[in-house]
């Protein structure tokens, strides 16, 4: 009975240390975002979404996505980043993480998204989800990216 009790206590200590590690990761990522978006920091809601993001993606994936997002979406006005651009850049991070992971699994995916972009410009209406699904299916069935691009 005593041995079982000690095992349970050890398990609780282990779980607590894992939670502390998660909090440290979130703290470090939040600090990194603050460096990238100088003058801004994450509120409780931002930290909460960062915690969820850290459960789904690796630390390096999140950091690279933060860097990409900051470079692409942050805009300066009068020597400092605008709040609107910081909020927009923050919202893009999860999508960037997701898309970068998909591109690792399927290297031609970015070209398929490019082709979908061509479709958007040439047609009155394009259902984004259906378009990428059909392009992916055609590619999986043997159509080359070049032939899909030429066809569009």
N, C-alpha and C. Protein backbone atom coordinates (compact mmCIF):
# COMPACT_ATOMS: atom_id res chain seq x y z
N UNK A 1 0.83 -1.19 0.00
CA UNK A 1 0.00 0.00 0.00
C UNK A 1 0.87 1.26 0.00
N UNK A 2 1.93 1.23 0.82
CA UNK A 2 2.84 2.38 0.89
C UNK A 2 3.54 2.60 -0.45
N UNK A 3 3.94 1.50 -1.08
CA UNK A 3 4.61 1.59 -2.38
C UNK A 3 3.69 2.23 -3.43
N UNK A 4 2.45 1.84 -3.42
CA UNK A 4 1.46 2.41 -4.34
C UNK A 4 1.27 3.90 -4.09
N UNK A 5 1.21 4.27 -2.83
CA UNK A 5 1.07 5.67 -2.45
C UNK A 5 2.25 6.50 -2.94
N UNK A 6 3.45 5.96 -2.84
CA UNK A 6 4.65 6.65 -3.30
C UNK A 6 4.64 6.81 -4.82
N UNK A 7 4.17 5.76 -5.50
CA UNK A 7 4.08 5.83 -6.97
C UNK A 7 3.12 6.94 -7.39
N UNK A 8 1.99 7.04 -6.71
CA UNK A 8 1.00 8.07 -7.03
C UNK A 8 1.59 9.45 -6.79
N UNK A 9 2.30 9.62 -5.68
CA UNK A 9 2.93 10.91 -5.38
C UNK A 9 3.97 11.26 -6.44
N UNK A 10 4.74 10.28 -6.87
CA UNK A 10 5.74 10.51 -7.91
C UNK A 10 5.07 10.91 -9.23
N UNK A 11 3.94 10.27 -9.54
CA UNK A 11 3.22 10.60 -10.75
C UNK A 11 2.71 12.03 -10.72
N UNK A 12 2.19 12.45 -9.56
CA UNK A 12 1.71 13.83 -9.41
C UNK A 12 2.86 14.82 -9.58
N UNK A 13 3.99 14.53 -8.99
CA UNK A 13 5.16 15.40 -9.13
C UNK A 13 5.61 15.48 -10.59
N UNK A 14 5.59 14.36 -11.28
CA UNK A 14 5.98 14.32 -12.68
C UNK A 14 5.02 15.15 -13.52
N UNK A 15 3.71 15.00 -13.27
CA UNK A 15 2.72 15.77 -14.02
C UNK A 15 2.86 17.27 -13.74
N UNK A 16 3.13 17.63 -12.49
CA UNK A 16 3.31 19.04 -12.16
C UNK A 16 4.53 19.62 -12.87
N UNK A 17 5.60 18.83 -12.95
CA UNK A 17 6.80 19.33 -13.63
C UNK A 17 6.56 19.46 -15.13
N UNK A 18 5.72 18.59 -15.70
CA UNK A 18 5.36 18.72 -17.11
C UNK A 18 4.56 20.00 -17.35
N UNK A 19 3.64 20.31 -16.44
CA UNK A 19 2.86 21.54 -16.56
C UNK A 19 3.76 22.77 -16.46
N UNK A 20 4.73 22.71 -15.55
CA UNK A 20 5.67 23.82 -15.40
C UNK A 20 6.50 23.99 -16.67
N UNK A 21 6.89 22.86 -17.29
CA UNK A 21 7.65 22.92 -18.53
C UNK A 21 6.81 23.54 -19.64
N UNK A 22 5.53 23.16 -19.71
CA UNK A 22 4.62 23.76 -20.70
C UNK A 22 4.53 25.27 -20.49
N UNK A 23 4.42 25.69 -19.25
CA UNK A 23 4.34 27.12 -18.94
C UNK A 23 5.63 27.85 -19.34
N UNK A 24 6.77 27.19 -19.13
CA UNK A 24 8.05 27.81 -19.52
C UNK A 24 8.14 27.96 -21.03
N UNK A 25 7.67 26.96 -21.75
CA UNK A 25 7.67 27.03 -23.22
C UNK A 25 6.79 28.18 -23.69
N UNK A 26 5.60 28.29 -23.11
CA UNK A 26 4.69 29.38 -23.47
C UNK A 26 5.32 30.73 -23.14
N UNK A 27 5.98 30.82 -21.99
CA UNK A 27 6.65 32.07 -21.61
C UNK A 27 7.72 32.45 -22.63
N UNK A 28 8.52 31.48 -23.02
CA UNK A 28 9.60 31.75 -23.98
C UNK A 28 9.04 32.16 -25.34
N UNK A 29 8.00 31.46 -25.80
CA UNK A 29 7.37 31.81 -27.08
C UNK A 29 6.72 33.19 -27.01
N UNK A 30 6.08 33.49 -25.90
CA UNK A 30 5.45 34.81 -25.73
C UNK A 30 6.51 35.91 -25.76
N UNK A 31 7.65 35.65 -25.11
CA UNK A 31 8.74 36.63 -25.13
C UNK A 31 9.28 36.81 -26.55
N UNK A 32 9.39 35.72 -27.29
CA UNK A 32 9.88 35.80 -28.67
C UNK A 32 8.92 36.63 -29.52
N UNK A 33 7.60 36.40 -29.34
CA UNK A 33 6.62 37.19 -30.09
C UNK A 33 6.74 38.68 -29.73
N UNK A 34 6.96 38.96 -28.45
CA UNK A 34 7.12 40.35 -28.01
C UNK A 34 8.34 41.00 -28.66
N UNK A 35 9.40 40.23 -28.85
CA UNK A 35 10.59 40.76 -29.52
C UNK A 35 10.29 41.05 -30.99
N UNK A 36 9.55 40.15 -31.64
CA UNK A 36 9.23 40.33 -33.05
C UNK A 36 8.26 41.48 -33.27
N UNK A 37 7.30 41.62 -32.36
CA UNK A 37 6.27 42.67 -32.49
C UNK A 37 6.54 43.75 -31.44
N UNK A 38 7.72 44.28 -31.50
CA UNK A 38 8.21 45.25 -30.52
C UNK A 38 7.13 46.25 -30.11
N UNK A 39 6.94 46.35 -28.79
CA UNK A 39 5.94 47.27 -28.26
C UNK A 39 4.63 46.59 -27.91
N UNK A 40 4.51 45.32 -28.24
CA UNK A 40 3.28 44.57 -27.96
C UNK A 40 3.63 43.28 -27.23
N UNK A 41 2.69 42.80 -26.44
CA UNK A 41 2.84 41.51 -25.77
C UNK A 41 1.49 40.80 -25.78
N UNK A 42 1.53 39.52 -25.50
CA UNK A 42 0.31 38.72 -25.53
C UNK A 42 -0.51 38.92 -24.27
N UNK A 43 -1.82 39.02 -24.44
CA UNK A 43 -2.72 39.06 -23.28
C UNK A 43 -3.04 37.61 -22.89
N UNK A 44 -3.93 37.42 -21.93
CA UNK A 44 -4.26 36.07 -21.46
C UNK A 44 -4.84 35.21 -22.58
N UNK A 45 -5.65 35.80 -23.43
CA UNK A 45 -6.24 35.05 -24.54
C UNK A 45 -5.15 34.61 -25.51
N UNK A 46 -4.20 35.48 -25.80
CA UNK A 46 -3.09 35.14 -26.68
C UNK A 46 -2.23 34.04 -26.10
N UNK A 47 -1.97 34.12 -24.81
CA UNK A 47 -1.17 33.07 -24.14
C UNK A 47 -1.90 31.74 -24.17
N UNK A 48 -3.22 31.79 -24.02
CA UNK A 48 -4.02 30.57 -24.06
C UNK A 48 -3.95 29.93 -25.45
N UNK A 49 -4.08 30.75 -26.49
CA UNK A 49 -4.00 30.19 -27.84
C UNK A 49 -2.58 29.71 -28.14
N UNK A 50 -1.58 30.36 -27.57
CA UNK A 50 -0.20 29.91 -27.73
C UNK A 50 0.03 28.56 -27.06
N UNK A 51 -0.61 28.37 -25.92
CA UNK A 51 -0.49 27.09 -25.22
C UNK A 51 -1.09 25.96 -26.07
N UNK A 52 -2.24 26.23 -26.69
CA UNK A 52 -2.87 25.23 -27.57
C UNK A 52 -1.98 24.96 -28.78
N UNK A 53 -1.40 26.01 -29.31
CA UNK A 53 -0.52 25.88 -30.47
C UNK A 53 0.70 25.03 -30.12
N UNK A 54 1.22 25.20 -28.92
CA UNK A 54 2.42 24.46 -28.51
C UNK A 54 2.13 22.98 -28.27
N UNK A 55 0.88 22.64 -28.07
CA UNK A 55 0.51 21.23 -27.95
C UNK A 55 0.42 20.55 -29.31
N UNK A 56 0.11 21.37 -30.33
CA UNK A 56 -0.13 20.83 -31.67
C UNK A 56 1.14 20.82 -32.54
N UNK A 57 2.00 21.84 -32.33
CA UNK A 57 3.19 21.98 -33.16
C UNK A 57 4.45 22.03 -32.30
N UNK A 58 5.57 21.72 -32.95
CA UNK A 58 6.86 21.76 -32.26
C UNK A 58 7.29 23.21 -32.06
N UNK A 59 8.15 23.39 -31.10
CA UNK A 59 8.66 24.71 -30.74
C UNK A 59 9.28 25.41 -31.96
N UNK A 60 10.12 24.70 -32.70
CA UNK A 60 10.78 25.33 -33.85
C UNK A 60 9.79 25.67 -34.96
N UNK A 61 8.74 24.86 -35.12
CA UNK A 61 7.72 25.16 -36.12
C UNK A 61 7.00 26.47 -35.78
N UNK A 62 6.71 26.65 -34.51
CA UNK A 62 6.01 27.86 -34.06
C UNK A 62 6.91 29.08 -34.22
N UNK A 63 8.18 28.94 -33.83
CA UNK A 63 9.09 30.08 -33.92
C UNK A 63 9.31 30.51 -35.37
N UNK A 64 9.49 29.55 -36.26
CA UNK A 64 9.67 29.88 -37.67
C UNK A 64 8.42 30.56 -38.22
N UNK A 65 7.25 30.05 -37.84
CA UNK A 65 5.99 30.63 -38.30
C UNK A 65 5.79 32.03 -37.75
N UNK A 66 6.20 32.26 -36.51
CA UNK A 66 6.12 33.61 -35.94
C UNK A 66 7.00 34.57 -36.74
N UNK A 67 8.19 34.12 -37.08
CA UNK A 67 9.12 34.95 -37.84
C UNK A 67 8.54 35.27 -39.22
N UNK A 68 8.03 34.25 -39.90
CA UNK A 68 7.43 34.45 -41.23
C UNK A 68 6.26 35.43 -41.13
N UNK A 69 5.39 35.21 -40.16
CA UNK A 69 4.22 36.06 -39.99
C UNK A 69 4.63 37.51 -39.73
N UNK A 70 5.61 37.69 -38.87
CA UNK A 70 6.04 39.06 -38.55
C UNK A 70 6.63 39.75 -39.77
N UNK A 71 7.38 39.01 -40.57
CA UNK A 71 8.00 39.60 -41.76
C UNK A 71 6.96 39.95 -42.82
N UNK A 72 5.91 39.13 -42.92
CA UNK A 72 4.93 39.33 -43.98
C UNK A 72 3.78 40.27 -43.60
N UNK A 73 3.40 40.30 -42.34
CA UNK A 73 2.17 40.99 -41.98
C UNK A 73 2.32 42.21 -41.08
N UNK A 74 3.44 42.35 -40.40
CA UNK A 74 3.59 43.51 -39.53
C UNK A 74 3.87 44.76 -40.36
N UNK A 75 3.14 45.83 -40.04
CA UNK A 75 3.28 47.10 -40.76
C UNK A 75 3.60 48.20 -39.76
N UNK A 76 4.49 49.08 -40.17
CA UNK A 76 4.88 50.20 -39.30
C UNK A 76 4.19 51.48 -39.72
N UNK A 77 3.89 52.26 -38.72
CA UNK A 77 3.33 53.60 -38.95
C UNK A 77 3.94 54.50 -37.88
N UNK A 78 4.56 55.56 -38.31
CA UNK A 78 5.20 56.51 -37.39
C UNK A 78 6.22 55.83 -36.48
N UNK A 79 6.98 54.90 -37.04
CA UNK A 79 8.07 54.27 -36.31
C UNK A 79 7.70 53.13 -35.39
N UNK A 80 6.43 52.72 -35.38
CA UNK A 80 6.07 51.57 -34.55
C UNK A 80 5.01 50.74 -35.26
N UNK A 81 4.92 49.48 -34.86
CA UNK A 81 3.97 48.57 -35.50
C UNK A 81 2.54 48.97 -35.15
N UNK A 82 1.64 48.81 -36.12
CA UNK A 82 0.24 49.13 -35.86
C UNK A 82 -0.41 47.96 -35.12
N UNK A 83 -1.34 48.28 -34.27
CA UNK A 83 -2.03 47.25 -33.49
C UNK A 83 -2.77 46.30 -34.42
N UNK A 84 -3.38 46.86 -35.44
CA UNK A 84 -4.13 46.04 -36.39
C UNK A 84 -3.23 45.02 -37.08
N UNK A 85 -2.04 45.44 -37.49
CA UNK A 85 -1.13 44.52 -38.18
C UNK A 85 -0.59 43.46 -37.22
N UNK A 86 -0.37 43.84 -35.96
CA UNK A 86 0.11 42.87 -34.96
C UNK A 86 -0.96 41.81 -34.73
N UNK A 87 -2.20 42.23 -34.59
CA UNK A 87 -3.30 41.28 -34.39
C UNK A 87 -3.46 40.38 -35.60
N UNK A 88 -3.36 40.95 -36.80
CA UNK A 88 -3.47 40.17 -38.02
C UNK A 88 -2.33 39.16 -38.13
N UNK A 89 -1.11 39.61 -37.86
CA UNK A 89 0.05 38.71 -37.92
C UNK A 89 -0.10 37.57 -36.91
N UNK A 90 -0.60 37.88 -35.72
CA UNK A 90 -0.78 36.86 -34.70
C UNK A 90 -1.77 35.79 -35.18
N UNK A 91 -2.85 36.23 -35.81
CA UNK A 91 -3.88 35.30 -36.27
C UNK A 91 -3.36 34.37 -37.37
N UNK A 92 -2.33 34.77 -38.08
CA UNK A 92 -1.82 33.99 -39.21
C UNK A 92 -0.88 32.85 -38.77
N UNK A 93 -0.37 32.89 -37.57
CA UNK A 93 0.68 31.96 -37.15
C UNK A 93 0.22 30.50 -37.21
N UNK A 94 -0.96 30.20 -36.70
CA UNK A 94 -1.43 28.80 -36.71
C UNK A 94 -1.56 28.28 -38.14
N UNK A 95 -2.08 29.10 -39.03
CA UNK A 95 -2.21 28.70 -40.43
C UNK A 95 -0.88 28.47 -41.09
N UNK A 96 0.10 29.31 -40.77
CA UNK A 96 1.44 29.14 -41.33
C UNK A 96 2.04 27.83 -40.83
N UNK A 97 1.88 27.55 -39.54
CA UNK A 97 2.37 26.27 -38.98
C UNK A 97 1.74 25.10 -39.73
N UNK A 98 0.44 25.16 -39.89
CA UNK A 98 -0.30 24.09 -40.56
C UNK A 98 0.16 23.91 -42.01
N UNK A 99 0.25 25.00 -42.74
CA UNK A 99 0.64 24.92 -44.15
C UNK A 99 2.08 24.46 -44.32
N UNK A 100 2.97 24.89 -43.46
CA UNK A 100 4.37 24.44 -43.55
C UNK A 100 4.48 22.94 -43.29
N UNK A 101 3.68 22.44 -42.37
CA UNK A 101 3.69 21.00 -42.11
C UNK A 101 3.14 20.23 -43.31
N UNK A 102 2.06 20.74 -43.90
CA UNK A 102 1.50 20.11 -45.10
C UNK A 102 2.50 20.09 -46.25
N UNK A 103 3.24 21.18 -46.41
CA UNK A 103 4.22 21.26 -47.49
C UNK A 103 5.36 20.27 -47.29
N UNK A 104 5.70 19.97 -46.04
CA UNK A 104 6.72 18.95 -45.79
C UNK A 104 6.23 17.58 -46.25
N UNK A 105 4.96 17.32 -45.99
CA UNK A 105 4.36 16.04 -46.38
C UNK A 105 4.16 15.96 -47.88
N UNK A 106 3.83 17.09 -48.52
CA UNK A 106 3.57 17.13 -49.95
C UNK A 106 4.27 18.36 -50.53
N UNK A 107 5.49 18.19 -51.03
CA UNK A 107 6.27 19.34 -51.51
C UNK A 107 5.61 20.12 -52.66
N UNK A 108 4.74 19.49 -53.43
CA UNK A 108 4.09 20.17 -54.55
C UNK A 108 2.89 20.99 -54.12
N UNK A 109 2.53 20.92 -52.85
CA UNK A 109 1.32 21.60 -52.38
C UNK A 109 1.38 23.11 -52.60
N UNK A 110 2.53 23.72 -52.38
CA UNK A 110 2.61 25.17 -52.56
C UNK A 110 2.36 25.54 -54.02
N UNK A 111 2.80 24.71 -54.94
CA UNK A 111 2.53 24.98 -56.36
C UNK A 111 1.05 24.82 -56.66
N UNK A 112 0.41 23.86 -56.00
CA UNK A 112 -1.04 23.68 -56.19
C UNK A 112 -1.80 24.89 -55.66
N UNK A 113 -1.35 25.46 -54.54
CA UNK A 113 -1.96 26.67 -54.02
C UNK A 113 -1.73 27.84 -54.99
N UNK A 114 -0.56 27.86 -55.61
CA UNK A 114 -0.27 28.89 -56.60
C UNK A 114 -1.25 28.77 -57.78
N UNK A 115 -1.49 27.55 -58.22
CA UNK A 115 -2.43 27.31 -59.33
C UNK A 115 -3.83 27.76 -58.92
N UNK A 116 -4.21 27.48 -57.70
CA UNK A 116 -5.52 27.94 -57.21
C UNK A 116 -5.59 29.46 -57.24
N UNK A 117 -4.49 30.12 -56.92
CA UNK A 117 -4.44 31.58 -56.99
C UNK A 117 -4.65 32.08 -58.40
N UNK A 118 -4.09 31.36 -59.38
CA UNK A 118 -4.32 31.72 -60.78
C UNK A 118 -5.81 31.58 -61.10
N UNK A 119 -6.42 30.52 -60.61
CA UNK A 119 -7.85 30.31 -60.85
C UNK A 119 -8.67 31.46 -60.28
N UNK A 120 -8.31 31.91 -59.10
CA UNK A 120 -9.04 33.02 -58.46
C UNK A 120 -9.04 34.26 -59.34
N UNK A 121 -7.91 34.50 -60.00
CA UNK A 121 -7.79 35.70 -60.83
C UNK A 121 -8.51 35.56 -62.17
N UNK A 122 -8.60 34.34 -62.68
CA UNK A 122 -9.16 34.15 -64.02
C UNK A 122 -10.65 33.85 -64.03
N UNK A 123 -11.19 33.36 -62.92
CA UNK A 123 -12.60 32.98 -62.89
C UNK A 123 -13.37 33.90 -61.95
N UNK A 124 -14.67 34.02 -62.20
CA UNK A 124 -15.51 34.86 -61.35
C UNK A 124 -15.63 34.33 -59.94
N UNK A 125 -15.70 32.99 -59.81
CA UNK A 125 -15.86 32.40 -58.49
C UNK A 125 -15.06 31.11 -58.41
N UNK A 126 -14.36 30.94 -57.29
CA UNK A 126 -13.62 29.70 -57.04
C UNK A 126 -13.86 29.32 -55.58
N UNK A 127 -14.38 28.11 -55.39
CA UNK A 127 -14.51 27.58 -54.04
C UNK A 127 -13.12 27.08 -53.64
N UNK A 128 -12.47 27.80 -52.73
CA UNK A 128 -11.08 27.50 -52.39
C UNK A 128 -10.87 26.06 -51.95
N UNK A 129 -11.74 25.59 -51.08
CA UNK A 129 -11.60 24.24 -50.54
C UNK A 129 -11.74 23.19 -51.64
N UNK A 130 -12.78 23.32 -52.45
CA UNK A 130 -13.03 22.35 -53.52
C UNK A 130 -11.90 22.41 -54.56
N UNK A 131 -11.45 23.62 -54.88
CA UNK A 131 -10.39 23.76 -55.88
C UNK A 131 -9.11 23.05 -55.45
N UNK A 132 -8.68 23.25 -54.22
CA UNK A 132 -7.44 22.61 -53.77
C UNK A 132 -7.63 21.11 -53.64
N UNK A 133 -8.82 20.70 -53.25
CA UNK A 133 -9.12 19.27 -53.14
C UNK A 133 -9.03 18.60 -54.52
N UNK A 134 -9.64 19.23 -55.53
CA UNK A 134 -9.61 18.67 -56.88
C UNK A 134 -8.21 18.70 -57.49
N UNK A 135 -7.49 19.78 -57.27
CA UNK A 135 -6.12 19.86 -57.76
C UNK A 135 -5.24 18.78 -57.13
N UNK A 136 -5.40 18.58 -55.83
CA UNK A 136 -4.64 17.55 -55.12
C UNK A 136 -4.99 16.17 -55.64
N UNK A 137 -6.28 15.93 -55.83
CA UNK A 137 -6.73 14.63 -56.33
C UNK A 137 -6.16 14.36 -57.73
N UNK A 138 -6.21 15.37 -58.60
CA UNK A 138 -5.67 15.22 -59.95
C UNK A 138 -4.17 14.93 -59.90
N UNK A 139 -3.46 15.62 -59.01
CA UNK A 139 -2.02 15.41 -58.87
C UNK A 139 -1.74 14.00 -58.35
N UNK A 140 -2.52 13.55 -57.38
CA UNK A 140 -2.35 12.20 -56.83
C UNK A 140 -2.61 11.12 -57.87
N UNK A 141 -3.49 11.43 -58.82
CA UNK A 141 -3.82 10.46 -59.87
C UNK A 141 -2.82 10.50 -61.03
N UNK A 142 -1.82 11.36 -60.95
CA UNK A 142 -0.76 11.33 -61.96
C UNK A 142 -0.59 12.59 -62.79
N UNK A 143 -1.45 13.56 -62.63
CA UNK A 143 -1.29 14.81 -63.38
C UNK A 143 -0.09 15.57 -62.82
N UNK A 144 0.74 16.08 -63.70
CA UNK A 144 1.89 16.85 -63.23
C UNK A 144 1.44 18.26 -62.86
N UNK A 145 2.20 18.87 -62.00
CA UNK A 145 1.90 20.24 -61.59
C UNK A 145 1.95 21.16 -62.81
N UNK A 146 2.92 20.91 -63.68
CA UNK A 146 3.07 21.72 -64.88
C UNK A 146 1.83 21.62 -65.78
N UNK A 147 1.31 20.39 -65.95
CA UNK A 147 0.15 20.23 -66.81
C UNK A 147 -1.10 20.88 -66.19
N UNK A 148 -1.22 20.82 -64.87
CA UNK A 148 -2.35 21.47 -64.19
C UNK A 148 -2.25 22.99 -64.37
N UNK A 149 -1.05 23.50 -64.21
CA UNK A 149 -0.86 24.94 -64.35
C UNK A 149 -1.16 25.39 -65.78
N UNK A 150 -0.70 24.62 -66.75
CA UNK A 150 -0.93 24.94 -68.14
C UNK A 150 -2.43 24.89 -68.47
N UNK A 151 -3.11 23.90 -67.92
CA UNK A 151 -4.54 23.74 -68.17
C UNK A 151 -5.34 24.93 -67.62
N UNK A 152 -4.97 25.37 -66.43
CA UNK A 152 -5.68 26.50 -65.82
C UNK A 152 -5.39 27.75 -66.61
